[in-house]
Amino acid sequence: MVFEKIKEIVVDQLGVNEEDVKIETNFMEDLGADSLDLFQVVMDLEDAFNVKVENVENIKTVGDAVKYIESVVK
C-alpha cells in the first residue's frame, strides 16, 4: 500500500513516531520538517516508487504525497 511505504519513508527520514504520520499530517507544520527534509523525503519517494516528482511545492501533507504517487504509478 502506498500510504504504508510513504509512512515508512517519513518515519525514517524525519525521525518521527509512526503514530504521528497520518494522511492529513502536514510535513512542515505537524512534523517540523524544513525544505531540506522535504526534499530528502521526495528523493526517497522517487527512488521507492521509481517516479519523478515535478512539483515538490504541491506536496504539503502525507495525503498529497499519496495522491501524487497513486496518480503516476499504475
PDB file of N, CA and C in Angstrom:
ATOM      1  N   MET A   1       0.843  -1.192   0.000  1.00  0.00           N
ATOM      2  CA  MET A   1       0.000   0.000   0.000  1.00  0.00           C
ATOM      3  C   MET A   1       0.884   1.249   0.000  1.00  0.00           C
ATOM      4  N   VAL A   2       0.506   2.204  -0.807  1.00  0.00           N
ATOM      5  CA  VAL A   2       1.303   3.428  -0.978  1.00  0.00           C
ATOM      6  C   VAL A   2       1.470   4.173   0.346  1.00  0.00           C
ATOM      7  N   PHE A   3       0.380   4.337   1.081  1.00  0.00           N
ATOM      8  CA  PHE A   3       0.459   5.080   2.344  1.00  0.00           C
ATOM      9  C   PHE A   3       1.461   4.454   3.306  1.00  0.00           C
ATOM     10  N   GLU A   4       1.445   3.140   3.421  1.00  0.00           N
ATOM     11  CA  GLU A   4       2.352   2.453   4.354  1.00  0.00           C
ATOM     12  C   GLU A   4       3.813   2.693   3.989  1.00  0.00           C
ATOM     13  N   LYS A   5       4.125   2.644   2.702  1.00  0.00           N
ATOM     14  CA  LYS A   5       5.507   2.860   2.257  1.00  0.00           C
ATOM     15  C   LYS A   5       5.921   4.311   2.504  1.00  0.00           C
ATOM     16  N   ILE A   6       5.012   5.250   2.218  1.00  0.00           N
ATOM     17  CA  ILE A   6       5.317   6.660   2.451  1.00  0.00           C
ATOM     18  C   ILE A   6       5.525   6.906   3.942  1.00  0.00           C
ATOM     19  N   LYS A   7       4.683   6.303   4.770  1.00  0.00           N
ATOM     20  CA  LYS A   7       4.828   6.454   6.221  1.00  0.00           C
ATOM     21  C   LYS A   7       6.199   5.954   6.668  1.00  0.00           C
ATOM     22  N   GLU A   8       6.606   4.812   6.151  1.00  0.00           N
ATOM     23  CA  GLU A   8       7.906   4.232   6.485  1.00  0.00           C
ATOM     24  C   GLU A   8       9.039   5.204   6.126  1.00  0.00           C
ATOM     25  N   ILE A   9       8.957   5.799   4.940  1.00  0.00           N
ATOM     26  CA  ILE A   9       9.976   6.758   4.487  1.00  0.00           C
ATOM     27  C   ILE A   9       9.996   7.990   5.389  1.00  0.00           C
ATOM     28  N   VAL A  10       8.829   8.521   5.718  1.00  0.00           N
ATOM     29  CA  VAL A  10       8.735   9.722   6.555  1.00  0.00           C
ATOM     30  C   VAL A  10       9.297   9.456   7.951  1.00  0.00           C
ATOM     31  N   VAL A  11       8.935   8.338   8.540  1.00  0.00           N
ATOM     32  CA  VAL A  11       9.439   7.979   9.871  1.00  0.00           C
ATOM     33  C   VAL A  11      10.959   7.864   9.834  1.00  0.00           C
ATOM     34  N   ASP A  12      11.476   7.211   8.809  1.00  0.00           N
ATOM     35  CA  ASP A  12      12.917   7.017   8.669  1.00  0.00           C
ATOM     36  C   ASP A  12      13.644   8.345   8.450  1.00  0.00           C
ATOM     37  N   GLN A  13      13.141   9.166   7.557  1.00  0.00           N
ATOM     38  CA  GLN A  13      13.813  10.419   7.201  1.00  0.00           C
ATOM     39  C   GLN A  13      13.716  11.496   8.270  1.00  0.00           C
ATOM     40  N   LEU A  14      12.529  11.616   8.871  1.00  0.00           N
ATOM     41  CA  LEU A  14      12.300  12.726   9.796  1.00  0.00           C
ATOM     42  C   LEU A  14      12.458  12.321  11.254  1.00  0.00           C
ATOM     43  N   GLY A  15      12.613  11.024  11.505  1.00  0.00           N
ATOM     44  CA  GLY A  15      12.805  10.566  12.878  1.00  0.00           C
ATOM     45  C   GLY A  15      11.583  10.807  13.757  1.00  0.00           C
ATOM     46  N   VAL A  16      10.393  10.689  13.178  1.00  0.00           N
ATOM     47  CA  VAL A  16       9.161  10.895  13.931  1.00  0.00           C
ATOM     48  C   VAL A  16       8.542   9.540  14.276  1.00  0.00           C
ATOM     49  N   ASN A  17       7.579   9.558  15.168  1.00  0.00           N
ATOM     50  CA  ASN A  17       6.886   8.333  15.550  1.00  0.00           C
ATOM     51  C   ASN A  17       5.887   7.939  14.471  1.00  0.00           C
ATOM     52  N   GLU A  18       5.764   6.642  14.259  1.00  0.00           N
ATOM     53  CA  GLU A  18       4.850   6.122  13.239  1.00  0.00           C
ATOM     54  C   GLU A  18       3.419   6.613  13.460  1.00  0.00           C
ATOM     55  N   GLU A  19       2.998   6.663  14.728  1.00  0.00           N
ATOM     56  CA  GLU A  19       1.621   7.079  15.007  1.00  0.00           C
ATOM     57  C   GLU A  19       1.367   8.564  14.722  1.00  0.00           C
ATOM     58  N   ASP A  20       2.432   9.345  14.532  1.00  0.00           N
ATOM     59  CA  ASP A  20       2.282  10.767  14.202  1.00  0.00           C
ATOM     60  C   ASP A  20       2.066  10.993  12.709  1.00  0.00           C
ATOM     61  N   VAL A  21       2.238   9.960  11.909  1.00  0.00           N
ATOM     62  CA  VAL A  21       2.125  10.094  10.457  1.00  0.00           C
ATOM     63  C   VAL A  21       0.765   9.567  10.010  1.00  0.00           C
ATOM     64  N   LYS A  22      -0.110  10.518   9.648  1.00  0.00           N
ATOM     65  CA  LYS A  22      -1.450  10.177   9.178  1.00  0.00           C
ATOM     66  C   LYS A  22      -1.644  10.837   7.810  1.00  0.00           C
ATOM     67  N   ILE A  23      -2.722  10.476   7.134  1.00  0.00           N
ATOM     68  CA  ILE A  23      -2.998  11.050   5.810  1.00  0.00           C
ATOM     69  C   ILE A  23      -3.004  12.575   5.859  1.00  0.00           C
ATOM     70  N   GLU A  24      -3.615  13.154   6.894  1.00  0.00           N
ATOM     71  CA  GLU A  24      -3.765  14.614   6.976  1.00  0.00           C
ATOM     72  C   GLU A  24      -2.544  15.327   7.559  1.00  0.00           C
ATOM     73  N   THR A  25      -1.512  14.580   7.934  1.00  0.00           N
ATOM     74  CA  THR A  25      -0.323  15.170   8.549  1.00  0.00           C
ATOM     75  C   THR A  25       0.413  16.089   7.578  1.00  0.00           C
ATOM     76  N   ASN A  26       0.680  17.327   8.041  1.00  0.00           N
ATOM     77  CA  ASN A  26       1.429  18.301   7.254  1.00  0.00           C
ATOM     78  C   ASN A  26       2.911  18.139   7.603  1.00  0.00           C
ATOM     79  N   PHE A  27       3.743  17.980   6.564  1.00  0.00           N
ATOM     80  CA  PHE A  27       5.170  17.738   6.799  1.00  0.00           C
ATOM     81  C   PHE A  27       5.820  18.835   7.632  1.00  0.00           C
ATOM     82  N   MET A  28       5.568  20.086   7.283  1.00  0.00           N
ATOM     83  CA  MET A  28       6.243  21.190   7.966  1.00  0.00           C
ATOM     84  C   MET A  28       5.561  21.560   9.284  1.00  0.00           C
ATOM     85  N   GLU A  29       4.238  21.743   9.259  1.00  0.00           N
ATOM     86  CA  GLU A  29       3.527  22.188  10.457  1.00  0.00           C
ATOM     87  C   GLU A  29       3.450  21.106  11.534  1.00  0.00           C
ATOM     88  N   ASP A  30       3.149  19.873  11.135  1.00  0.00           N
ATOM     89  CA  ASP A  30       2.941  18.815  12.123  1.00  0.00           C
ATOM     90  C   ASP A  30       4.209  18.044  12.476  1.00  0.00           C
ATOM     91  N   LEU A  31       5.117  17.907  11.526  1.00  0.00           N
ATOM     92  CA  LEU A  31       6.313  17.092  11.752  1.00  0.00           C
ATOM     93  C   LEU A  31       7.587  17.914  11.892  1.00  0.00           C
ATOM     94  N   GLY A  32       7.478  19.238  11.702  1.00  0.00           N
ATOM     95  CA  GLY A  32       8.635  20.104  11.877  1.00  0.00           C
ATOM     96  C   GLY A  32       9.688  19.979  10.785  1.00  0.00           C
ATOM     97  N   ALA A  33       9.280  19.467   9.613  1.00  0.00           N
ATOM     98  CA  ALA A  33      10.237  19.321   8.512  1.00  0.00           C
ATOM     99  C   ALA A  33      10.545  20.690   7.910  1.00  0.00           C
ATOM    100  N   ASP A  34      11.781  20.880   7.484  1.00  0.00           N
ATOM    101  CA  ASP A  34      12.114  22.085   6.727  1.00  0.00           C
ATOM    102  C   ASP A  34      12.205  21.697   5.246  1.00  0.00           C
ATOM    103  N   SER A  35      12.530  22.650   4.402  1.00  0.00           N
ATOM    104  CA  SER A  35      12.525  22.372   2.960  1.00  0.00           C
ATOM    105  C   SER A  35      13.560  21.310   2.585  1.00  0.00           C
ATOM    106  N   LEU A  36      14.680  21.263   3.279  1.00  0.00           N
ATOM    107  CA  LEU A  36      15.689  20.239   3.010  1.00  0.00           C
ATOM    108  C   LEU A  36      15.175  18.848   3.393  1.00  0.00           C
ATOM    109  N   ASP A  37      14.481  18.768   4.542  1.00  0.00           N
ATOM    110  CA  ASP A  37      13.878  17.495   4.954  1.00  0.00           C
ATOM    111  C   ASP A  37      12.877  17.018   3.903  1.00  0.00           C
ATOM    112  N   LEU A  38      12.048  17.947   3.446  1.00  0.00           N
ATOM    113  CA  LEU A  38      11.021  17.596   2.464  1.00  0.00           C
ATOM    114  C   LEU A  38      11.664  17.139   1.155  1.00  0.00           C
ATOM    115  N   PHE A  39      12.733  17.807   0.756  1.00  0.00           N
ATOM    116  CA  PHE A  39      13.470  17.418  -0.448  1.00  0.00           C
ATOM    117  C   PHE A  39      13.985  15.983  -0.311  1.00  0.00           C
ATOM    118  N   GLN A  40      14.506  15.658   0.861  1.00  0.00           N
ATOM    119  CA  GLN A  40      15.034  14.311   1.100  1.00  0.00           C
ATOM    120  C   GLN A  40      13.915  13.272   1.065  1.00  0.00           C
ATOM    121  N   VAL A  41      12.775  13.597   1.655  1.00  0.00           N
ATOM    122  CA  VAL A  41      11.616  12.685   1.617  1.00  0.00           C
ATOM    123  C   VAL A  41      11.193  12.455   0.172  1.00  0.00           C
ATOM    124  N   VAL A  42      11.119  13.530  -0.606  1.00  0.00           N
ATOM    125  CA  VAL A  42      10.706  13.411  -2.010  1.00  0.00           C
ATOM    126  C   VAL A  42      11.709  12.564  -2.796  1.00  0.00           C
ATOM    127  N   MET A  43      13.001  12.743  -2.545  1.00  0.00           N
ATOM    128  CA  MET A  43      14.004  11.920  -3.236  1.00  0.00           C
ATOM    129  C   MET A  43      13.812  10.443  -2.892  1.00  0.00           C
ATOM    130  N   ASP A  44      13.509  10.153  -1.637  1.00  0.00           N
ATOM    131  CA  ASP A  44      13.268   8.771  -1.231  1.00  0.00           C
ATOM    132  C   ASP A  44      11.998   8.216  -1.880  1.00  0.00           C
ATOM    133  N   LEU A  45      10.970   9.062  -2.007  1.00  0.00           N
ATOM    134  CA  LEU A  45       9.735   8.644  -2.686  1.00  0.00           C
ATOM    135  C   LEU A  45      10.020   8.316  -4.142  1.00  0.00           C
ATOM    136  N   GLU A  46      10.811   9.167  -4.782  1.00  0.00           N
ATOM    137  CA  GLU A  46      11.159   8.937  -6.188  1.00  0.00           C
ATOM    138  C   GLU A  46      11.878   7.598  -6.349  1.00  0.00           C
ATOM    139  N   ASP A  47      12.809   7.324  -5.447  1.00  0.00           N
ATOM    140  CA  ASP A  47      13.545   6.054  -5.507  1.00  0.00           C
ATOM    141  C   ASP A  47      12.626   4.869  -5.234  1.00  0.00           C
ATOM    142  N   ALA A  48      11.807   4.984  -4.202  1.00  0.00           N
ATOM    143  CA  ALA A  48      10.962   3.866  -3.777  1.00  0.00           C
ATOM    144  C   ALA A  48       9.901   3.504  -4.822  1.00  0.00           C
ATOM    145  N   PHE A  49       9.352   4.537  -5.486  1.00  0.00           N
ATOM    146  CA  PHE A  49       8.259   4.292  -6.427  1.00  0.00           C
ATOM    147  C   PHE A  49       8.681   4.448  -7.885  1.00  0.00           C
ATOM    148  N   ASN A  50       9.969   4.728  -8.101  1.00  0.00           N
ATOM    149  CA  ASN A  50      10.507   4.895  -9.448  1.00  0.00           C
ATOM    150  C   ASN A  50       9.714   5.932 -10.257  1.00  0.00           C
ATOM    151  N   VAL A  51       9.560   7.109  -9.656  1.00  0.00           N
ATOM    152  CA  VAL A  51       8.836   8.210 -10.293  1.00  0.00           C
ATOM    153  C   VAL A  51       9.668   9.475 -10.183  1.00  0.00           C
ATOM    154  N   LYS A  52       9.234  10.513 -10.886  1.00  0.00           N
ATOM    155  CA  LYS A  52       9.854  11.828 -10.783  1.00  0.00           C
ATOM    156  C   LYS A  52       8.789  12.791 -10.283  1.00  0.00           C
ATOM    157  N   VAL A  53       9.028  13.429  -9.148  1.00  0.00           N
ATOM    158  CA  VAL A  53       8.080  14.400  -8.600  1.00  0.00           C
ATOM    159  C   VAL A  53       8.414  15.758  -9.208  1.00  0.00           C
ATOM    160  N   GLU A  54       7.484  16.268 -10.011  1.00  0.00           N
ATOM    161  CA  GLU A  54       7.724  17.534 -10.720  1.00  0.00           C
ATOM    162  C   GLU A  54       7.514  18.756  -9.823  1.00  0.00           C
ATOM    163  N   ASN A  55       6.390  18.807  -9.125  1.00  0.00           N
ATOM    164  CA  ASN A  55       6.050  19.990  -8.330  1.00  0.00           C
ATOM    165  C   ASN A  55       6.104  19.684  -6.845  1.00  0.00           C
ATOM    166  N   VAL A  56       7.305  19.710  -6.310  1.00  0.00           N
ATOM    167  CA  VAL A  56       7.513  19.382  -4.898  1.00  0.00           C
ATOM    168  C   VAL A  56       6.700  20.320  -4.009  1.00  0.00           C
ATOM    169  N   GLU A  57       6.562  21.579  -4.413  1.00  0.00           N
ATOM    170  CA  GLU A  57       5.835  22.560  -3.595  1.00  0.00           C
ATOM    171  C   GLU A  57       4.354  22.218  -3.440  1.00  0.00           C
ATOM    172  N   ASN A  58       3.830  21.330  -4.274  1.00  0.00           N
ATOM    173  CA  ASN A  58       2.430  20.912  -4.147  1.00  0.00           C
ATOM    174  C   ASN A  58       2.252  19.812  -3.102  1.00  0.00           C
ATOM    175  N   ILE A  59       3.335  19.274  -2.595  1.00  0.00           N
ATOM    176  CA  ILE A  59       3.247  18.202  -1.608  1.00  0.00           C
ATOM    177  C   ILE A  59       3.481  18.793  -0.220  1.00  0.00           C
ATOM    178  N   LYS A  60       2.373  19.052   0.463  1.00  0.00           N
ATOM    179  CA  LYS A  60       2.439  19.656   1.788  1.00  0.00           C
ATOM    180  C   LYS A  60       2.053  18.670   2.889  1.00  0.00           C
ATOM    181  N   THR A  61       1.234  17.670   2.521  1.00  0.00           N
ATOM    182  CA  THR A  61       0.786  16.689   3.508  1.00  0.00           C
ATOM    183  C   THR A  61       1.126  15.277   3.032  1.00  0.00           C
ATOM    184  N   VAL A  62       1.024  14.342   3.948  1.00  0.00           N
ATOM    185  CA  VAL A  62       1.227  12.938   3.593  1.00  0.00           C
ATOM    186  C   VAL A  62       0.192  12.536   2.540  1.00  0.00           C
ATOM    187  N   GLY A  63      -1.031  13.023   2.684  1.00  0.00           N
ATOM    188  CA  GLY A  63      -2.085  12.729   1.717  1.00  0.00           C
ATOM    189  C   GLY A  63      -1.754  13.237   0.325  1.00  0.00           C
ATOM    190  N   ASP A  64      -1.138  14.416   0.248  1.00  0.00           N
ATOM    191  CA  ASP A  64      -0.711  14.953  -1.060  1.00  0.00           C
ATOM    192  C   ASP A  64       0.276  13.996  -1.714  1.00  0.00           C
ATOM    193  N   ALA A  65       1.206  13.479  -0.918  1.00  0.00           N
ATOM    194  CA  ALA A  65       2.212  12.546  -1.444  1.00  0.00           C
ATOM    195  C   ALA A  65       1.547  11.264  -1.922  1.00  0.00           C
ATOM    196  N   VAL A  66       0.603  10.743  -1.129  1.00  0.00           N
ATOM    197  CA  VAL A  66      -0.105   9.513  -1.505  1.00  0.00           C
ATOM    198  C   VAL A  66      -0.855   9.723  -2.821  1.00  0.00           C
ATOM    199  N   LYS A  67      -1.612  10.840  -2.910  1.00  0.00           N
ATOM    200  CA  LYS A  67      -2.377  11.113  -4.138  1.00  0.00           C
ATOM    201  C   LYS A  67      -1.464  11.235  -5.346  1.00  0.00           C
ATOM    202  N   TYR A  68      -0.353  11.930  -5.174  1.00  0.00           N
ATOM    203  CA  TYR A  68       0.565  12.105  -6.294  1.00  0.00           C
ATOM    204  C   TYR A  68       1.124  10.760  -6.755  1.00  0.00           C
ATOM    205  N   ILE A  69       1.631   9.983  -5.821  1.00  0.00           N
ATOM    206  CA  ILE A  69       2.213   8.683  -6.175  1.00  0.00           C
ATOM    207  C   ILE A  69       1.167   7.806  -6.842  1.00  0.00           C
ATOM    208  N   GLU A  70      -0.045   7.746  -6.282  1.00  0.00           N
ATOM    209  CA  GLU A  70      -1.100   6.915  -6.866  1.00  0.00           C
ATOM    210  C   GLU A  70      -1.477   7.386  -8.265  1.00  0.00           C
ATOM    211  N   SER A  71      -1.339   8.689  -8.531  1.00  0.00           N
ATOM    212  CA  SER A  71      -1.711   9.202  -9.849  1.00  0.00           C
ATOM    213  C   SER A  71      -0.665   8.885 -10.914  1.00  0.00           C
ATOM    214  N   VAL A  72       0.586   8.681 -10.511  1.00  0.00           N
ATOM    215  CA  VAL A  72       1.638   8.428 -11.503  1.00  0.00           C
ATOM    216  C   VAL A  72       2.076   6.965 -11.569  1.00  0.00           C
ATOM    217  N   VAL A  73       1.739   6.192 -10.550  1.00  0.00           N
ATOM    218  CA  VAL A  73       2.098   4.772 -10.552  1.00  0.00           C
ATOM    219  C   VAL A  73       0.854   3.967 -10.913  1.00  0.00           C
ATOM    220  N   LYS A  74       0.956   3.252 -12.000  1.00  0.00           N
ATOM    221  CA  LYS A  74      -0.208   2.464 -12.451  1.00  0.00           C
ATOM    222  C   LYS A  74      -0.017   1.018 -12.116  1.00  0.00           C
TER     223      LYS A  74
END
